Structure formats: C-alpha cells, structure tokens
C-alpha cells in the first residue's frame, strides 16, 4: 500500500469520466474546507497482508488527524502511486471498510466517487505535515 496525505485548506472535485461500468452514477462534485485528503493506492499484494495493511493505515490516519486536526478526512482511491493495483472491487471494499471503521470512531470521513476520473482543485498550505507519503 502506498498513501499520499495532503492537508488542504480547500479541496474540491467534479466527476468527469466514469471508468468502471459498475460504479454508481455520480454527477455532482463536492468542496471541502480544512480537510485531510488520503490518496490511497491499494496494491495486489495487500490482500496477502490485509490485516497488517489495515492496521497500518488506521494508525497512519489516526496519527495525521491528531497532528493536523482537520475538520474532515477524505479517502481517495488513487491508482497512480504504484504499478501494482488490486482488483477494483477489492479496492472499493477496502476503502468502504476504512470509512466505516473511522465513522464508528466518530471521525468525519467520506470518499470521493469510486470508478471516476475527477477534476480536482487543491489548495494546500506549506507546513511540515501538510504532505506525507507512506508505504507499507
């Protein structure tokens, strides 16, 4: 798994191209203020180490939330950090699990639409933990 965390003063997306036939129909975008965006690459080999990968990601997200104290956490499937890609259904299930786990612990969390290319608007400040990359 590879994760790029970017703290954003403002983050907005608009769905442009549907890339998976099975994806829900989404036409509206969203805008977030003071949000921590997690660009997550679920890799094929993550299935073999699922328990530890989930634990590492949960710990990373809790840590960055404590450090940056954003109003919201946004999970974004980002299949551009590695050549290894997990099956789309596995990736979607993984992200749904992570959203549910965080929601149960009272984090404000959501996901960008899965199975779409998105137009992105990113306004990210320059401070020490505004950008973090992790691989596990």
N, C-alpha and C. Protein backbone atom coordinates (compact mmCIF):
# COMPACT_ATOMS: atom_id res chain seq x y z
N UNK A 1 0.84 -1.18 0.00
CA UNK A 1 0.00 0.00 0.00
C UNK A 1 0.88 1.23 0.00
N UNK A 2 0.41 2.19 -0.74
CA UNK A 2 1.07 3.49 -0.76
C UNK A 2 0.01 4.54 -0.47
N UNK A 3 0.38 5.53 0.34
CA UNK A 3 -0.56 6.56 0.75
C UNK A 3 0.13 7.92 0.68
N UNK A 4 -0.50 8.85 -0.01
CA UNK A 4 -0.05 10.23 -0.04
C UNK A 4 -1.10 11.05 0.70
N UNK A 5 -0.69 11.68 1.79
CA UNK A 5 -1.59 12.51 2.60
C UNK A 5 -1.32 13.97 2.29
N UNK A 6 -2.36 14.70 1.94
CA UNK A 6 -2.22 16.14 1.68
C UNK A 6 -3.28 16.87 2.49
N UNK A 7 -2.82 17.74 3.37
CA UNK A 7 -3.75 18.60 4.11
C UNK A 7 -4.14 19.74 3.17
N UNK A 8 -5.43 20.02 3.08
CA UNK A 8 -5.92 21.05 2.15
C UNK A 8 -6.75 22.09 2.89
N UNK A 9 -6.44 23.35 2.66
CA UNK A 9 -7.33 24.41 3.11
C UNK A 9 -8.66 24.29 2.38
N UNK A 10 -8.55 23.91 1.10
CA UNK A 10 -9.73 23.71 0.27
C UNK A 10 -9.42 22.59 -0.71
N UNK A 11 -10.38 21.67 -0.85
CA UNK A 11 -10.25 20.57 -1.80
C UNK A 11 -11.62 20.40 -2.45
N UNK A 12 -11.63 20.37 -3.78
CA UNK A 12 -12.89 20.19 -4.50
C UNK A 12 -12.69 19.20 -5.63
N UNK A 13 -13.76 18.48 -5.94
CA UNK A 13 -13.71 17.57 -7.08
C UNK A 13 -15.03 17.62 -7.85
N UNK A 14 -14.91 17.29 -9.13
CA UNK A 14 -16.06 17.14 -10.00
C UNK A 14 -15.84 15.88 -10.83
N UNK A 15 -16.79 14.94 -10.81
CA UNK A 15 -16.65 13.75 -11.64
C UNK A 15 -16.65 14.12 -13.12
N UNK A 16 -15.74 13.49 -13.88
CA UNK A 16 -15.68 13.81 -15.31
C UNK A 16 -15.93 12.58 -16.18
N UNK A 17 -15.16 11.51 -15.98
CA UNK A 17 -15.27 10.32 -16.81
C UNK A 17 -15.47 9.10 -15.93
N UNK A 18 -16.53 8.35 -16.20
CA UNK A 18 -16.77 7.10 -15.48
C UNK A 18 -15.84 6.03 -16.06
N UNK A 19 -15.05 5.39 -15.20
CA UNK A 19 -14.07 4.40 -15.67
C UNK A 19 -14.48 2.96 -15.37
N UNK A 20 -15.45 2.77 -14.50
CA UNK A 20 -15.95 1.43 -14.17
C UNK A 20 -17.44 1.36 -14.45
N UNK A 21 -17.86 0.41 -15.25
CA UNK A 21 -19.29 0.27 -15.55
C UNK A 21 -20.11 0.04 -14.29
N UNK A 22 -19.51 -0.64 -13.30
CA UNK A 22 -20.24 -0.97 -12.07
C UNK A 22 -20.35 0.20 -11.09
N UNK A 23 -19.68 1.30 -11.36
CA UNK A 23 -19.70 2.45 -10.45
C UNK A 23 -21.08 3.10 -10.42
N UNK A 24 -21.44 3.59 -9.23
CA UNK A 24 -22.70 4.34 -9.11
C UNK A 24 -22.64 5.58 -9.99
N UNK A 25 -23.81 6.01 -10.46
CA UNK A 25 -23.87 7.23 -11.26
C UNK A 25 -23.69 8.43 -10.33
N UNK A 26 -22.70 9.25 -10.64
CA UNK A 26 -22.42 10.45 -9.85
C UNK A 26 -22.18 11.60 -10.82
N UNK A 27 -22.88 12.70 -10.60
CA UNK A 27 -22.69 13.86 -11.47
C UNK A 27 -22.24 15.09 -10.70
N UNK A 28 -22.58 15.14 -9.41
CA UNK A 28 -22.25 16.32 -8.61
C UNK A 28 -20.90 16.18 -7.94
N UNK A 29 -20.22 17.28 -7.84
CA UNK A 29 -18.96 17.35 -7.13
C UNK A 29 -19.17 17.79 -5.69
N UNK A 30 -18.08 17.93 -4.99
CA UNK A 30 -18.11 18.37 -3.59
C UNK A 30 -16.92 19.31 -3.35
N UNK A 31 -17.07 20.14 -2.35
CA UNK A 31 -16.00 21.02 -1.90
C UNK A 31 -15.86 20.87 -0.40
N UNK A 32 -14.62 20.77 0.05
CA UNK A 32 -14.32 20.62 1.48
C UNK A 32 -13.34 21.71 1.90
N UNK A 33 -13.52 22.18 3.12
CA UNK A 33 -12.60 23.13 3.73
C UNK A 33 -11.86 22.41 4.85
N UNK A 34 -10.60 22.78 5.06
CA UNK A 34 -9.81 22.22 6.16
C UNK A 34 -9.95 20.70 6.22
N UNK A 35 -9.50 20.05 5.17
CA UNK A 35 -9.66 18.60 5.08
C UNK A 35 -8.32 17.91 4.86
N UNK A 36 -8.22 16.72 5.38
CA UNK A 36 -7.06 15.86 5.17
C UNK A 36 -7.44 14.87 4.09
N UNK A 37 -6.75 14.93 2.96
CA UNK A 37 -7.05 14.02 1.86
C UNK A 37 -6.02 12.89 1.87
N UNK A 38 -6.51 11.66 1.81
CA UNK A 38 -5.65 10.49 1.74
C UNK A 38 -5.77 9.88 0.36
N UNK A 39 -4.73 10.02 -0.46
CA UNK A 39 -4.67 9.41 -1.78
C UNK A 39 -4.13 8.00 -1.55
N UNK A 40 -4.96 6.98 -1.73
CA UNK A 40 -4.63 5.62 -1.33
C UNK A 40 -4.51 4.71 -2.54
N UNK A 41 -3.35 4.05 -2.64
CA UNK A 41 -3.10 3.05 -3.67
C UNK A 41 -3.14 1.68 -3.01
N UNK A 42 -4.22 0.94 -3.23
CA UNK A 42 -4.31 -0.43 -2.73
C UNK A 42 -3.64 -1.32 -3.78
N UNK A 43 -2.63 -2.07 -3.34
CA UNK A 43 -1.84 -2.89 -4.25
C UNK A 43 -2.27 -4.36 -4.19
N UNK A 44 -1.96 -5.09 -5.24
CA UNK A 44 -2.31 -6.50 -5.35
C UNK A 44 -1.82 -7.30 -4.14
N UNK A 45 -0.61 -7.06 -3.70
CA UNK A 45 -0.03 -7.82 -2.59
C UNK A 45 -0.63 -7.47 -1.23
N UNK A 46 -1.43 -6.42 -1.15
CA UNK A 46 -2.07 -6.05 0.12
C UNK A 46 -3.05 -7.12 0.57
N UNK A 47 -3.60 -7.88 -0.36
CA UNK A 47 -4.53 -8.96 0.00
C UNK A 47 -3.85 -9.99 0.90
N UNK A 48 -2.56 -10.25 0.63
CA UNK A 48 -1.82 -11.26 1.39
C UNK A 48 -1.51 -10.80 2.81
N UNK A 49 -1.49 -9.51 3.03
CA UNK A 49 -1.17 -8.92 4.34
C UNK A 49 -2.30 -8.00 4.80
N UNK A 50 -3.52 -8.35 4.49
CA UNK A 50 -4.66 -7.45 4.70
C UNK A 50 -4.76 -6.94 6.14
N UNK A 51 -4.61 -7.83 7.10
CA UNK A 51 -4.77 -7.44 8.49
C UNK A 51 -3.75 -6.37 8.89
N UNK A 52 -2.49 -6.57 8.54
CA UNK A 52 -1.47 -5.59 8.93
C UNK A 52 -1.58 -4.31 8.10
N UNK A 53 -1.97 -4.42 6.83
CA UNK A 53 -2.14 -3.23 6.00
C UNK A 53 -3.26 -2.36 6.56
N UNK A 54 -4.38 -2.98 6.91
CA UNK A 54 -5.49 -2.21 7.50
C UNK A 54 -5.06 -1.55 8.80
N UNK A 55 -4.35 -2.28 9.65
CA UNK A 55 -3.89 -1.72 10.92
C UNK A 55 -2.94 -0.55 10.68
N UNK A 56 -2.00 -0.70 9.76
CA UNK A 56 -1.05 0.38 9.47
C UNK A 56 -1.77 1.62 8.93
N UNK A 57 -2.74 1.42 8.05
CA UNK A 57 -3.46 2.57 7.51
C UNK A 57 -4.31 3.23 8.58
N UNK A 58 -4.99 2.44 9.40
CA UNK A 58 -5.78 3.03 10.50
C UNK A 58 -4.88 3.87 11.40
N UNK A 59 -3.72 3.33 11.77
CA UNK A 59 -2.80 4.06 12.65
C UNK A 59 -2.28 5.33 11.99
N UNK A 60 -1.97 5.26 10.70
CA UNK A 60 -1.50 6.44 9.98
C UNK A 60 -2.57 7.52 9.94
N UNK A 61 -3.81 7.14 9.63
CA UNK A 61 -4.89 8.13 9.55
C UNK A 61 -5.20 8.75 10.91
N UNK A 62 -5.18 7.94 11.96
CA UNK A 62 -5.40 8.49 13.31
C UNK A 62 -4.27 9.44 13.68
N UNK A 63 -3.04 9.09 13.33
CA UNK A 63 -1.88 9.92 13.65
C UNK A 63 -1.97 11.28 12.94
N UNK A 64 -2.26 11.26 11.63
CA UNK A 64 -2.31 12.52 10.88
C UNK A 64 -3.48 13.38 11.34
N UNK A 65 -4.57 12.75 11.75
CA UNK A 65 -5.71 13.50 12.30
C UNK A 65 -5.30 14.23 13.59
N UNK A 66 -4.57 13.54 14.44
CA UNK A 66 -4.11 14.19 15.69
C UNK A 66 -3.15 15.34 15.41
N UNK A 67 -2.29 15.16 14.43
CA UNK A 67 -1.28 16.18 14.12
C UNK A 67 -1.88 17.41 13.44
N UNK A 68 -2.71 17.20 12.42
CA UNK A 68 -3.21 18.32 11.63
C UNK A 68 -4.59 18.82 12.05
N UNK A 69 -5.32 18.03 12.78
CA UNK A 69 -6.65 18.38 13.29
C UNK A 69 -7.57 18.98 12.22
N UNK A 70 -7.75 18.26 11.12
CA UNK A 70 -8.65 18.76 10.08
C UNK A 70 -10.11 18.61 10.52
N UNK A 71 -10.99 19.31 9.82
CA UNK A 71 -12.42 19.16 10.07
C UNK A 71 -12.95 17.87 9.46
N UNK A 72 -12.26 17.36 8.42
CA UNK A 72 -12.77 16.22 7.68
C UNK A 72 -11.61 15.40 7.13
N UNK A 73 -11.86 14.12 6.95
CA UNK A 73 -10.91 13.21 6.31
C UNK A 73 -11.57 12.67 5.04
N UNK A 74 -10.88 12.78 3.93
CA UNK A 74 -11.42 12.36 2.65
C UNK A 74 -10.53 11.25 2.08
N UNK A 75 -11.13 10.09 1.81
CA UNK A 75 -10.41 8.96 1.23
C UNK A 75 -10.59 8.99 -0.28
N UNK A 76 -9.46 8.87 -0.98
CA UNK A 76 -9.50 8.95 -2.45
C UNK A 76 -8.69 7.80 -3.02
N UNK A 77 -9.34 6.91 -3.78
CA UNK A 77 -8.62 5.84 -4.46
C UNK A 77 -7.75 6.47 -5.54
N UNK A 78 -6.45 6.22 -5.45
CA UNK A 78 -5.50 6.87 -6.35
C UNK A 78 -4.56 5.81 -6.90
N UNK A 79 -4.88 5.28 -8.07
CA UNK A 79 -4.13 4.17 -8.65
C UNK A 79 -2.94 4.63 -9.48
N UNK A 80 -2.20 5.63 -8.98
CA UNK A 80 -1.08 6.18 -9.73
C UNK A 80 0.21 6.26 -8.92
N UNK A 81 0.23 5.61 -7.76
CA UNK A 81 1.42 5.65 -6.91
C UNK A 81 2.28 4.41 -7.07
N UNK A 82 1.77 3.41 -7.82
CA UNK A 82 2.47 2.14 -7.97
C UNK A 82 1.97 1.45 -9.23
N UNK A 83 2.80 0.56 -9.76
CA UNK A 83 2.36 -0.26 -10.90
C UNK A 83 1.47 -1.41 -10.45
N UNK A 84 1.53 -1.75 -9.18
CA UNK A 84 0.73 -2.84 -8.65
C UNK A 84 -0.64 -2.30 -8.24
N UNK A 85 -1.68 -2.90 -8.79
CA UNK A 85 -3.04 -2.45 -8.48
C UNK A 85 -3.89 -3.64 -8.05
N UNK A 86 -4.59 -3.48 -6.96
CA UNK A 86 -5.54 -4.51 -6.53
C UNK A 86 -6.76 -4.45 -7.44
N UNK A 87 -7.50 -5.53 -7.45
CA UNK A 87 -8.76 -5.60 -8.18
C UNK A 87 -9.66 -4.45 -7.74
N UNK A 88 -10.37 -3.80 -8.66
CA UNK A 88 -11.23 -2.66 -8.29
C UNK A 88 -12.24 -2.98 -7.17
N UNK A 89 -12.86 -4.15 -7.22
CA UNK A 89 -13.84 -4.49 -6.18
C UNK A 89 -13.16 -4.62 -4.82
N UNK A 90 -11.99 -5.23 -4.79
CA UNK A 90 -11.24 -5.34 -3.53
C UNK A 90 -10.89 -3.95 -3.01
N UNK A 91 -10.44 -3.08 -3.90
CA UNK A 91 -10.07 -1.71 -3.51
C UNK A 91 -11.28 -0.98 -2.94
N UNK A 92 -12.41 -1.08 -3.62
CA UNK A 92 -13.61 -0.39 -3.14
C UNK A 92 -14.04 -0.95 -1.79
N UNK A 93 -14.02 -2.26 -1.63
CA UNK A 93 -14.37 -2.88 -0.34
C UNK A 93 -13.41 -2.43 0.75
N UNK A 94 -12.14 -2.34 0.43
CA UNK A 94 -11.13 -1.90 1.39
C UNK A 94 -11.42 -0.47 1.86
N UNK A 95 -11.69 0.41 0.91
CA UNK A 95 -11.97 1.81 1.26
C UNK A 95 -13.28 1.94 2.03
N UNK A 96 -14.28 1.15 1.66
CA UNK A 96 -15.54 1.16 2.40
C UNK A 96 -15.32 0.71 3.84
N UNK A 97 -14.51 -0.33 4.03
CA UNK A 97 -14.18 -0.78 5.38
C UNK A 97 -13.53 0.35 6.17
N UNK A 98 -12.55 1.03 5.56
CA UNK A 98 -11.82 2.09 6.26
C UNK A 98 -12.76 3.23 6.63
N UNK A 99 -13.66 3.61 5.72
CA UNK A 99 -14.62 4.68 6.02
C UNK A 99 -15.52 4.26 7.18
N UNK A 100 -16.02 3.04 7.14
CA UNK A 100 -16.90 2.55 8.20
C UNK A 100 -16.18 2.50 9.55
N UNK A 101 -14.96 2.02 9.55
CA UNK A 101 -14.17 1.91 10.78
C UNK A 101 -13.96 3.30 11.40
N UNK A 102 -13.60 4.27 10.57
CA UNK A 102 -13.37 5.63 11.07
C UNK A 102 -14.67 6.29 11.53
N UNK A 103 -15.75 6.07 10.79
CA UNK A 103 -17.04 6.63 11.16
C UNK A 103 -17.50 6.10 12.51
N UNK A 104 -17.30 4.81 12.74
CA UNK A 104 -17.67 4.20 14.02
C UNK A 104 -16.91 4.83 15.19
N UNK A 105 -15.76 5.40 14.90
CA UNK A 105 -14.94 6.05 15.93
C UNK A 105 -15.13 7.56 15.91
N UNK A 106 -16.20 8.00 15.27
CA UNK A 106 -16.66 9.39 15.27
C UNK A 106 -15.74 10.36 14.53
N UNK A 107 -15.03 9.86 13.53
CA UNK A 107 -14.31 10.75 12.63
C UNK A 107 -15.28 11.23 11.57
N UNK A 108 -15.10 12.46 11.11
CA UNK A 108 -15.85 12.96 9.97
C UNK A 108 -15.10 12.50 8.73
N UNK A 109 -15.67 11.56 8.02
CA UNK A 109 -14.94 10.93 6.90
C UNK A 109 -15.89 10.64 5.75
N UNK A 110 -15.37 10.70 4.53
CA UNK A 110 -16.12 10.32 3.34
C UNK A 110 -15.12 9.91 2.26
N UNK A 111 -15.66 9.53 1.12
CA UNK A 111 -14.84 9.12 -0.01
C UNK A 111 -15.20 9.92 -1.25
N UNK A 112 -14.22 10.06 -2.13
CA UNK A 112 -14.52 10.59 -3.45
C UNK A 112 -15.21 9.47 -4.24
N UNK A 113 -15.95 9.78 -5.30
CA UNK A 113 -16.62 8.74 -6.07
C UNK A 113 -15.63 7.73 -6.63
N UNK A 114 -15.91 6.45 -6.39
CA UNK A 114 -15.05 5.38 -6.87
C UNK A 114 -15.41 5.04 -8.31
N UNK A 115 -14.39 4.84 -9.14
CA UNK A 115 -14.63 4.47 -10.53
C UNK A 115 -14.79 5.64 -11.47
N UNK A 116 -14.25 6.80 -11.10
CA UNK A 116 -14.33 8.00 -11.92
C UNK A 116 -12.98 8.70 -11.98
N UNK A 117 -12.72 9.34 -13.11
CA UNK A 117 -11.69 10.36 -13.16
C UNK A 117 -12.36 11.64 -12.66
N UNK A 118 -11.62 12.41 -11.90
CA UNK A 118 -12.18 13.62 -11.29
C UNK A 118 -11.34 14.84 -11.66
N UNK A 119 -12.01 15.95 -11.90
CA UNK A 119 -11.32 17.23 -11.92
C UNK A 119 -11.07 17.59 -10.46
N UNK A 120 -9.85 17.95 -10.12
CA UNK A 120 -9.51 18.28 -8.74
C UNK A 120 -9.06 19.72 -8.62
N UNK A 121 -9.44 20.33 -7.51
CA UNK A 121 -8.93 21.64 -7.12
C UNK A 121 -8.32 21.46 -5.74
N UNK A 122 -7.03 21.74 -5.64
CA UNK A 122 -6.30 21.51 -4.40
C UNK A 122 -5.64 22.81 -3.96
N UNK A 123 -5.99 23.24 -2.76
CA UNK A 123 -5.33 24.40 -2.16
C UNK A 123 -4.67 23.91 -0.89
N UNK A 124 -3.36 23.69 -0.97
CA UNK A 124 -2.63 23.07 0.14
C UNK A 124 -1.54 24.01 0.66
N UNK A 125 -1.56 24.27 1.97
CA UNK A 125 -0.56 25.14 2.56
C UNK A 125 0.79 24.43 2.67
N UNK A 126 1.83 25.20 2.89
CA UNK A 126 3.16 24.63 3.04
C UNK A 126 3.60 24.62 4.49
N UNK A 127 3.37 23.51 5.17
CA UNK A 127 3.92 23.33 6.51
C UNK A 127 4.37 21.89 6.64
N UNK A 128 5.06 21.59 7.70
CA UNK A 128 5.78 20.33 7.87
C UNK A 128 4.96 19.09 7.54
N UNK A 129 3.78 18.94 8.09
CA UNK A 129 2.99 17.71 7.89
C UNK A 129 1.84 17.90 6.91
N UNK A 130 1.94 18.90 6.05
CA UNK A 130 0.89 19.12 5.06
C UNK A 130 0.94 18.06 3.97
N UNK A 131 2.11 17.46 3.77
CA UNK A 131 2.29 16.41 2.77
C UNK A 131 3.11 15.30 3.38
N UNK A 132 2.52 14.11 3.39
CA UNK A 132 3.20 12.94 3.98
C UNK A 132 3.00 11.76 3.02
N UNK A 133 4.08 11.04 2.75
CA UNK A 133 3.98 9.83 1.95
C UNK A 133 4.38 8.64 2.80
N UNK A 134 3.62 7.56 2.70
CA UNK A 134 3.90 6.36 3.48
C UNK A 134 3.70 5.14 2.61
N UNK A 135 4.54 4.15 2.82
CA UNK A 135 4.46 2.89 2.10
C UNK A 135 4.53 1.75 3.10
N UNK A 136 3.61 0.83 3.01
CA UNK A 136 3.67 -0.36 3.87
C UNK A 136 2.98 -1.54 3.19
